[in-house]
Structure formats: C-alpha cells, structure tokens
N, C-alpha and C. Protein backbone atom coordinates (compact mmCIF):
# COMPACT_ATOMS: atom_id res chain seq x y z
N MET A 1 0.08 -46.59 -11.37
CA MET A 1 -0.65 -45.65 -11.75
C MET A 1 -0.25 -45.05 -12.99
N THR A 2 -0.30 -44.54 -14.14
CA THR A 2 0.04 -44.87 -16.05
C THR A 2 -0.27 -42.79 -16.15
N VAL A 3 0.87 -42.53 -15.95
CA VAL A 3 0.80 -40.63 -16.09
C VAL A 3 0.74 -40.81 -17.94
N ASN A 4 0.08 -40.20 -18.60
CA ASN A 4 1.41 -40.02 -20.21
C ASN A 4 1.05 -39.15 -19.56
N LEU A 5 2.63 -39.24 -20.92
CA LEU A 5 3.31 -37.56 -21.18
C LEU A 5 2.52 -36.75 -21.40
N THR A 6 2.06 -36.75 -22.10
CA THR A 6 1.19 -35.63 -23.51
C THR A 6 0.16 -34.71 -22.35
N ASP A 7 -0.91 -35.38 -21.12
CA ASP A 7 -1.42 -35.81 -20.45
C ASP A 7 -1.16 -34.17 -20.04
N LEU A 8 0.15 -34.72 -19.23
CA LEU A 8 1.49 -33.80 -18.63
C LEU A 8 1.67 -32.14 -19.30
N ILE A 9 1.91 -32.60 -20.77
CA ILE A 9 2.56 -31.53 -20.87
C ILE A 9 1.29 -30.96 -21.87
N ARG A 10 0.04 -31.28 -21.56
CA ARG A 10 -1.63 -30.27 -22.09
C ARG A 10 -0.96 -29.43 -20.26
N ALA A 11 -1.78 -30.49 -19.20
CA ALA A 11 -1.71 -29.60 -18.43
C ALA A 11 -1.14 -28.06 -18.45
N LEU A 12 0.30 -29.30 -17.84
CA LEU A 12 1.39 -27.44 -17.61
C LEU A 12 1.50 -26.70 -18.63
N SER A 13 1.04 -26.58 -20.24
CA SER A 13 0.64 -25.67 -21.23
C SER A 13 -0.82 -24.45 -20.02
N GLU A 14 -1.57 -25.26 -20.47
CA GLU A 14 -2.63 -24.91 -20.41
C GLU A 14 -2.50 -23.50 -18.45
N ARG A 15 -2.16 -24.37 -17.31
CA ARG A 15 -1.74 -24.10 -16.37
C ARG A 15 -0.61 -22.45 -17.06
N GLN A 16 0.06 -23.26 -17.81
CA GLN A 16 0.92 -21.54 -18.21
C GLN A 16 0.08 -20.83 -18.45
N PHE A 17 -0.52 -21.10 -19.10
CA PHE A 17 -1.47 -19.92 -20.36
C PHE A 17 -2.06 -19.49 -19.29
N ALA A 18 -2.99 -20.09 -18.04
CA ALA A 18 -3.79 -18.99 -17.19
C ALA A 18 -3.35 -18.69 -16.53
N THR A 19 -1.61 -18.79 -16.49
CA THR A 19 -1.00 -17.51 -15.63
C THR A 19 -0.49 -16.28 -15.57
N GLU A 20 -0.36 -17.06 -17.47
CA GLU A 20 0.38 -15.70 -18.02
C GLU A 20 -0.87 -14.86 -17.77
N ARG A 21 -1.99 -15.26 -18.59
CA ARG A 21 -3.52 -14.33 -18.65
C ARG A 21 -3.38 -13.77 -17.20
N GLN A 22 -3.70 -14.26 -16.62
CA GLN A 22 -3.18 -13.39 -14.66
C GLN A 22 -2.23 -12.33 -14.86
N LEU A 23 -0.93 -12.82 -15.40
CA LEU A 23 -0.02 -11.93 -14.91
C LEU A 23 -0.38 -9.89 -16.13
N GLY A 24 -1.08 -11.04 -17.19
CA GLY A 24 -1.25 -9.53 -18.24
C GLY A 24 -2.50 -8.65 -17.47
N GLU A 25 -3.26 -9.62 -17.07
CA GLU A 25 -4.83 -8.54 -16.15
C GLU A 25 -4.14 -7.90 -15.07
N LEU A 26 -2.81 -8.02 -14.29
CA LEU A 26 -2.28 -8.14 -12.83
C LEU A 26 -2.19 -6.33 -13.16
N THR A 27 -1.34 -6.43 -14.65
CA THR A 27 -0.08 -5.40 -15.54
C THR A 27 -1.41 -4.63 -15.59
N GLY A 28 -2.00 -4.94 -15.91
CA GLY A 28 -2.98 -4.00 -16.59
C GLY A 28 -4.23 -2.35 -15.76
N ALA A 29 -3.97 -3.89 -14.59
CA ALA A 29 -4.28 -3.16 -13.50
C ALA A 29 -3.86 -2.24 -12.49
N LEU A 30 -1.87 -2.10 -12.69
CA LEU A 30 -1.14 -1.74 -12.42
C LEU A 30 -1.50 -0.71 -12.87
N LYS A 31 -1.25 -0.84 -14.24
CA LYS A 31 -0.90 0.06 -15.09
C LYS A 31 -2.32 1.34 -14.90
N ALA A 32 -3.33 1.07 -14.45
CA ALA A 32 -4.57 2.15 -14.35
C ALA A 32 -5.05 2.21 -13.06
N LEU A 33 -3.58 1.65 -12.10
CA LEU A 33 -3.63 2.49 -10.44
C LEU A 33 -3.02 3.40 -10.60
N GLN A 34 -1.14 2.81 -11.07
CA GLN A 34 -0.29 4.43 -11.63
C GLN A 34 -1.06 5.32 -12.11
N ALA A 35 -1.84 4.88 -13.06
CA ALA A 35 -1.89 6.46 -14.03
C ALA A 35 -3.49 7.10 -13.24
N ARG A 36 -4.38 6.55 -12.27
CA ARG A 36 -5.09 8.05 -11.67
C ARG A 36 -4.06 8.10 -10.07
N VAL A 37 -2.75 7.54 -9.98
CA VAL A 37 -2.06 8.34 -9.17
C VAL A 37 -1.83 9.24 -9.66
N ALA A 38 -1.13 9.30 -10.38
CA ALA A 38 -0.45 10.21 -11.13
C ALA A 38 -0.93 11.63 -11.56
N GLU A 39 -2.78 10.76 -11.76
CA GLU A 39 -3.47 12.12 -11.95
C GLU A 39 -4.09 12.87 -10.74
N LEU A 40 -4.13 11.43 -9.56
CA LEU A 40 -4.49 12.47 -8.65
C LEU A 40 -3.14 13.22 -7.92
N SER A 41 -1.73 13.51 -8.53
CA SER A 41 -0.53 13.98 -7.22
C SER A 41 -0.48 14.76 -8.10
N ALA A 42 -0.84 15.07 -9.60
CA ALA A 42 -0.76 16.72 -10.35
C ALA A 42 -2.21 17.60 -9.92
N SER A 43 -3.44 16.99 -9.97
CA SER A 43 -3.75 17.76 -9.18
C SER A 43 -4.13 18.38 -8.20
N ALA A 44 -3.50 17.83 -7.03
CA ALA A 44 -3.26 17.63 -5.35
C ALA A 44 -2.40 19.12 -5.30
N SER A 45 -1.17 18.74 -6.34
CA SER A 45 0.19 20.36 -6.41
C SER A 45 -1.13 21.21 -7.55
N LEU A 46 -2.10 20.94 -8.25
CA LEU A 46 -2.74 22.65 -8.49
C LEU A 46 -3.41 22.91 -7.39
N GLN A 47 -3.65 22.54 -6.71
CA GLN A 47 -4.68 23.11 -5.76
C GLN A 47 -3.57 24.42 -4.65
N PRO A 48 -4.26 25.21 -4.04
CA PRO A 48 -3.19 26.32 -3.67
C PRO A 48 -2.73 26.53 -2.94
N ALA A 49 -1.82 27.27 -2.28
CA ALA A 49 -1.13 26.69 -1.16
C ALA A 49 -1.15 26.35 -0.03
N ALA A 50 -2.69 27.59 0.25
CA ALA A 50 -3.20 28.24 1.30
C ALA A 50 -4.42 27.37 1.71
N THR A 51 -4.34 25.85 1.34
CA THR A 51 -5.57 25.26 1.95
C THR A 51 -6.32 25.56 2.94
N PRO A 52 -6.92 25.24 3.82
CA PRO A 52 -6.87 24.71 4.73
C PRO A 52 -6.74 23.63 5.68
N VAL A 53 -5.97 23.81 7.13
CA VAL A 53 -5.78 22.86 7.81
C VAL A 53 -7.00 22.28 7.97
N VAL A 54 -7.44 20.83 8.09
CA VAL A 54 -8.85 20.00 7.94
C VAL A 54 -8.14 19.27 9.62
N LYS A 55 -9.23 19.91 10.78
CA LYS A 55 -8.80 19.02 12.16
C LYS A 55 -9.87 18.15 12.64
N THR A 56 -9.69 17.11 12.52
CA THR A 56 -10.38 15.82 13.09
C THR A 56 -10.67 15.17 14.11
N LYS A 57 -10.92 14.60 14.36
CA LYS A 57 -12.07 15.26 15.70
C LYS A 57 -10.61 14.12 16.54
N ALA A 58 -10.05 12.99 15.85
CA ALA A 58 -8.97 11.88 16.18
C ALA A 58 -7.45 13.99 17.00
N ASP A 59 -7.22 14.67 16.21
CA ASP A 59 -6.97 15.07 16.75
C ASP A 59 -7.26 16.21 17.60
N ASP A 60 -8.11 15.91 17.90
CA ASP A 60 -8.63 16.97 18.97
C ASP A 60 -8.20 16.18 20.51
N THR A 61 -8.71 14.84 20.01
CA THR A 61 -9.20 13.88 21.27
C THR A 61 -7.34 13.84 21.87
N ALA A 62 -7.05 13.39 20.66
CA ALA A 62 -4.89 13.40 21.41
C ALA A 62 -5.00 14.47 21.90
N LYS A 63 -5.67 15.85 21.70
CA LYS A 63 -4.37 16.76 22.06
C LYS A 63 -5.27 16.73 23.30
N GLU A 64 -6.70 15.99 23.37
CA GLU A 64 -6.58 16.73 24.49
C GLU A 64 -6.61 15.64 25.51
N ALA A 65 -6.85 14.49 25.24
CA ALA A 65 -6.97 13.51 26.49
C ALA A 65 -5.60 13.17 27.93
N ALA A 66 -5.66 13.46 28.26
CA ALA A 66 -5.00 13.70 30.08
C ALA A 66 -3.99 12.99 29.61
N PRO A 67 -2.87 12.19 30.27
CA PRO A 67 -2.33 10.97 30.52
C PRO A 67 -2.46 10.02 30.88
N GLY A 68 -2.90 9.03 30.35
CA GLY A 68 -3.25 7.87 31.45
C GLY A 68 -5.11 7.74 31.19
N ALA A 69 -5.30 8.24 30.31
CA ALA A 69 -6.53 8.38 29.46
C ALA A 69 -6.33 7.92 28.29
N LYS A 70 -8.30 7.11 28.79
CA LYS A 70 -7.54 5.93 27.45
C LYS A 70 -8.42 6.92 26.18
N ALA A 71 -7.87 6.40 25.52
CA ALA A 71 -7.59 6.80 23.44
C ALA A 71 -8.43 6.05 23.08
N GLU A 72 -9.25 6.65 21.73
CA GLU A 72 -10.00 6.00 21.27
C GLU A 72 -9.25 5.75 19.74
N VAL A 73 -9.43 4.30 19.28
CA VAL A 73 -9.54 4.25 18.07
C VAL A 73 -9.57 5.03 16.38
N THR A 74 -8.93 5.44 16.26
CA THR A 74 -9.28 6.07 14.35
C THR A 74 -9.03 5.54 13.54
N PRO A 75 -9.77 6.33 12.51
CA PRO A 75 -10.74 5.20 11.30
C PRO A 75 -8.75 4.47 10.95
N GLU A 76 -8.12 5.49 11.51
CA GLU A 76 -6.71 4.91 10.14
C GLU A 76 -6.18 4.06 11.08
N VAL A 77 -6.08 3.67 12.23
CA VAL A 77 -5.19 2.76 13.23
C VAL A 77 -6.43 1.72 12.57
N LEU A 78 -7.93 1.49 12.56
CA LEU A 78 -8.31 0.70 11.77
C LEU A 78 -8.35 -0.07 10.63
N VAL A 79 -8.01 0.64 9.77
CA VAL A 79 -7.38 0.20 8.65
C VAL A 79 -5.90 -0.22 8.56
N VAL A 80 -5.35 -0.01 8.89
CA VAL A 80 -3.82 -0.11 9.02
C VAL A 80 -3.85 -1.16 9.86
N ILE A 81 -4.34 -1.71 10.92
CA ILE A 81 -4.93 -3.07 11.32
C ILE A 81 -5.73 -4.14 10.53
N ALA A 82 -6.81 -3.52 9.54
CA ALA A 82 -7.14 -4.62 8.50
C ALA A 82 -6.60 -5.01 7.57
N ALA A 83 -5.87 -3.89 7.14
CA ALA A 83 -5.01 -4.18 5.55
C ALA A 83 -4.18 -5.43 6.42
N ALA A 84 -2.97 -5.31 7.53
CA ALA A 84 -2.00 -6.29 8.23
C ALA A 84 -2.92 -7.32 8.12
N VAL A 85 -3.92 -8.15 9.19
CA VAL A 85 -4.35 -8.64 8.82
C VAL A 85 -4.65 -9.60 8.18
N THR A 86 -5.71 -8.11 6.69
CA THR A 86 -5.71 -9.07 5.18
C THR A 86 -5.13 -9.80 4.87
N ALA A 87 -3.31 -8.55 5.17
CA ALA A 87 -1.84 -9.34 4.56
C ALA A 87 -1.59 -11.16 5.12
N PHE A 88 -1.89 -10.48 6.81
CA PHE A 88 -1.83 -12.33 7.06
C PHE A 88 -2.26 -13.13 6.66
N LEU A 89 -4.00 -13.15 6.65
CA LEU A 89 -4.13 -13.72 6.81
C LEU A 89 -4.34 -14.77 4.73
N GLY A 90 -4.78 -13.79 4.06
CA GLY A 90 -4.39 -13.39 2.15
C GLY A 90 -5.85 -13.68 2.13
N LYS A 91 -7.40 -13.25 3.21
CA LYS A 91 -8.17 -12.74 1.74
C LYS A 91 -8.85 -11.85 3.22
N LYS A 92 -9.89 -10.78 2.40
CA LYS A 92 -10.44 -10.08 3.42
C LYS A 92 -10.99 -10.02 4.65
N VAL A 93 -10.71 -8.93 5.27
CA VAL A 93 -11.36 -9.25 5.89
C VAL A 93 -11.60 -7.55 6.54
N ARG A 94 -12.93 -7.95 8.30
CA ARG A 94 -13.98 -6.56 8.79
C ARG A 94 -14.12 -6.24 9.88
N ILE A 95 -13.23 -5.53 10.39
CA ILE A 95 -13.27 -5.74 11.48
C ILE A 95 -14.34 -4.43 12.13
N ARG A 96 -15.63 -5.46 13.20
CA ARG A 96 -15.89 -5.09 14.00
C ARG A 96 -16.43 -3.98 15.16
N SER A 97 -15.23 -4.45 15.49
CA SER A 97 -14.92 -3.59 17.47
C SER A 97 -13.32 -3.77 17.19
N ALA A 98 -13.36 -2.31 17.70
CA ALA A 98 -11.67 -2.67 18.31
C ALA A 98 -11.73 -1.24 19.87
N LYS A 99 -11.03 -1.57 20.55
CA LYS A 99 -10.47 -0.71 22.03
C LYS A 99 -9.31 -1.06 21.93
N VAL A 100 -8.82 0.08 23.28
CA VAL A 100 -7.79 0.47 24.01
C VAL A 100 -7.79 -0.58 25.23
N LEU A 101 -7.22 -1.00 25.01
CA LEU A 101 -6.61 -1.66 25.87
C LEU A 101 -5.76 -1.37 27.24
N GLN A 102 -6.30 -1.25 28.41
CA GLN A 102 -5.23 -0.64 30.04
C GLN A 102 -3.89 -1.69 29.54
N SER A 103 -3.52 -0.57 29.75
CA SER A 103 -1.88 -0.95 29.88
C SER A 103 -1.79 -2.12 31.64
N PRO A 104 -1.02 -2.55 31.57
CA PRO A 104 -0.60 -2.90 32.89
C PRO A 104 0.10 -2.26 33.79
N TYR A 105 0.78 -1.20 33.06
CA TYR A 105 2.11 -0.21 33.78
C TYR A 105 1.16 0.40 34.64
N GLU A 106 -0.30 0.93 33.58
CA GLU A 106 -0.63 2.60 34.25
C GLU A 106 -1.45 3.06 35.80
N VAL A 107 -1.99 4.10 35.83
CA VAL A 107 -2.46 3.83 37.26
C VAL A 107 -3.65 2.71 37.91
N VAL A 108 -3.51 2.45 38.18
CA VAL A 108 -4.55 1.31 38.87
C VAL A 108 -5.93 2.55 39.53
N ASN A 109 -6.55 2.37 39.46
CA ASN A 109 -8.27 2.38 40.20
C ASN A 109 -7.81 2.13 41.80
N PRO A 110 -7.25 3.46 42.99
CA PRO A 110 -8.42 2.31 43.99
C PRO A 110 -8.13 1.90 45.02
N TRP A 111 -9.60 2.17 44.75
CA TRP A 111 -10.47 1.08 44.73
C TRP A 111 -10.57 -0.41 44.60
N SER A 112 -9.85 -0.66 42.90
CA SER A 112 -10.00 -1.79 42.63
C SER A 112 -8.72 -2.75 43.59
N GLN A 113 -7.32 -1.64 43.77
CA GLN A 113 -6.25 -1.97 44.79
C GLN A 113 -7.24 -2.50 45.51
N GLN A 114 -7.81 -1.47 46.33
CA GLN A 114 -7.44 -1.99 47.89
C GLN A 114 -8.50 -3.22 47.99
N GLY A 115 -9.47 -3.52 47.17
CA GLY A 115 -10.44 -4.59 47.00
C GLY A 115 -9.54 -6.42 46.61
N ARG A 116 -8.34 -5.64 45.60
CA ARG A 116 -7.20 -7.13 45.82
C ARG A 116 -6.78 -7.72 46.93
N VAL A 117 -6.29 -5.69 47.39
CA VAL A 117 -5.02 -6.35 48.74
C VAL A 117 -6.02 -7.51 49.53
N SER A 118 -7.29 -6.85 50.27
CA SER A 118 -8.38 -7.11 50.86
C SER A 118 -7.96 -9.34 51.15
N VAL A 119 -8.97 -9.31 49.47
CA VAL A 119 -9.02 -10.62 48.99
C VAL A 119 -7.66 -11.42 48.87
N GLN A 120 -6.15 -11.01 48.68
CA GLN A 120 -4.70 -11.70 48.99
C GLN A 120 -4.75 -12.00 49.94
N ALA A 121 -4.73 -10.23 50.47
CA ALA A 121 -4.72 -11.32 53.01
C ALA A 121 -5.71 -12.10 52.97
N SER A 122 -6.91 -12.65 52.80
CA SER A 122 -7.57 -13.73 53.16
C SER A 122 -7.33 -14.58 52.77
N HIS A 123 -6.52 -15.23 51.84
CA HIS A 123 -5.78 -15.91 51.79
C HIS A 123 -4.25 -16.71 51.97
N ASN A 124 -4.02 -15.83 52.98
CA ASN A 124 -3.17 -15.66 53.78
C ASN A 124 -3.34 -16.25 55.42
N PHE A 125 -3.05 -17.48 55.22
CA PHE A 125 -2.72 -19.45 56.71
C PHE A 125 -1.48 -19.01 57.34
N ARG A 126 -2.22 -19.26 58.78
CA ARG A 126 -1.22 -19.22 59.27
C ARG A 126 -0.54 -19.98 59.40
N SER A 127 1.19 -20.04 59.39
CA SER A 127 1.88 -20.91 59.59
C SER A 127 1.70 -21.75 60.67
N ARG A 128 2.38 -22.88 60.04
CA ARG A 128 2.24 -23.89 61.38
C ARG A 128 3.58 -24.43 62.18
N SER A 129 3.72 -24.26 63.24
CA SER A 129 4.63 -23.97 64.25
C SER A 129 5.54 -25.77 64.48
C-alpha cells in the first residue's frame, strides 16, 4: 500500500482547520455563556434583599418525613443524575423514572420477616446420625 505524502499533509491540514474552526465556535459559545451568567448575576444582585423565600414541595416532604419513611427523588437530584450519566456516556440521556430503594439496614416489615423465618425453617433437615 503506497501512501502519498502530499495526501497525508492535505488530510492533516484539513483536520487541523476543522479543529480550529470548532475551537473558535466553542470559544464564542463560552463567551456568550459567560456574558449571560454575568448578566444574570447582575440582575440577581439588583433584587431587593427582602425577597420572600420560596418553599418547595421537596423541602416540605423532607422535613415531614419520618426516619425510615421513603423519600421522593427531587427534580434537582434527577438533574444531577442525568448530568453524571451524560458525562459518563458522552451522550445526552433522559431519565424516565427513578425511585429511592430501601436500604437493607432499615427496619424490615415484621410480616415479611416472619414469612422469611418460616420459609427458612422449612428448609431445616434432620441431621443423620
């Protein structure tokens, strides 16, 4: 297989040009985002200090939930999970459902525990002498 040196140089320069173009586009997008963040920060600092605190449903449920009660997955947690999975996989993901699983160290329902005990007891075989 013969490779022409001029073809390699041309392909390399085309890739370098495409990379520089992408870098320029990303730089422009970054500057626009920085300007937007600065604008939002400035508008947030102009708001009066006596802004009422907005309580969310997640705050209420977290305070009212008894220890050991199942907690809801808040939208903030879903966003963080989606961002982490997106960063890991390298493509955008959409979480369709999520629920908090019971820890194995939490209090177990006594009815369930008794059922397990009776099942385990039925497996005890007599030892042969």
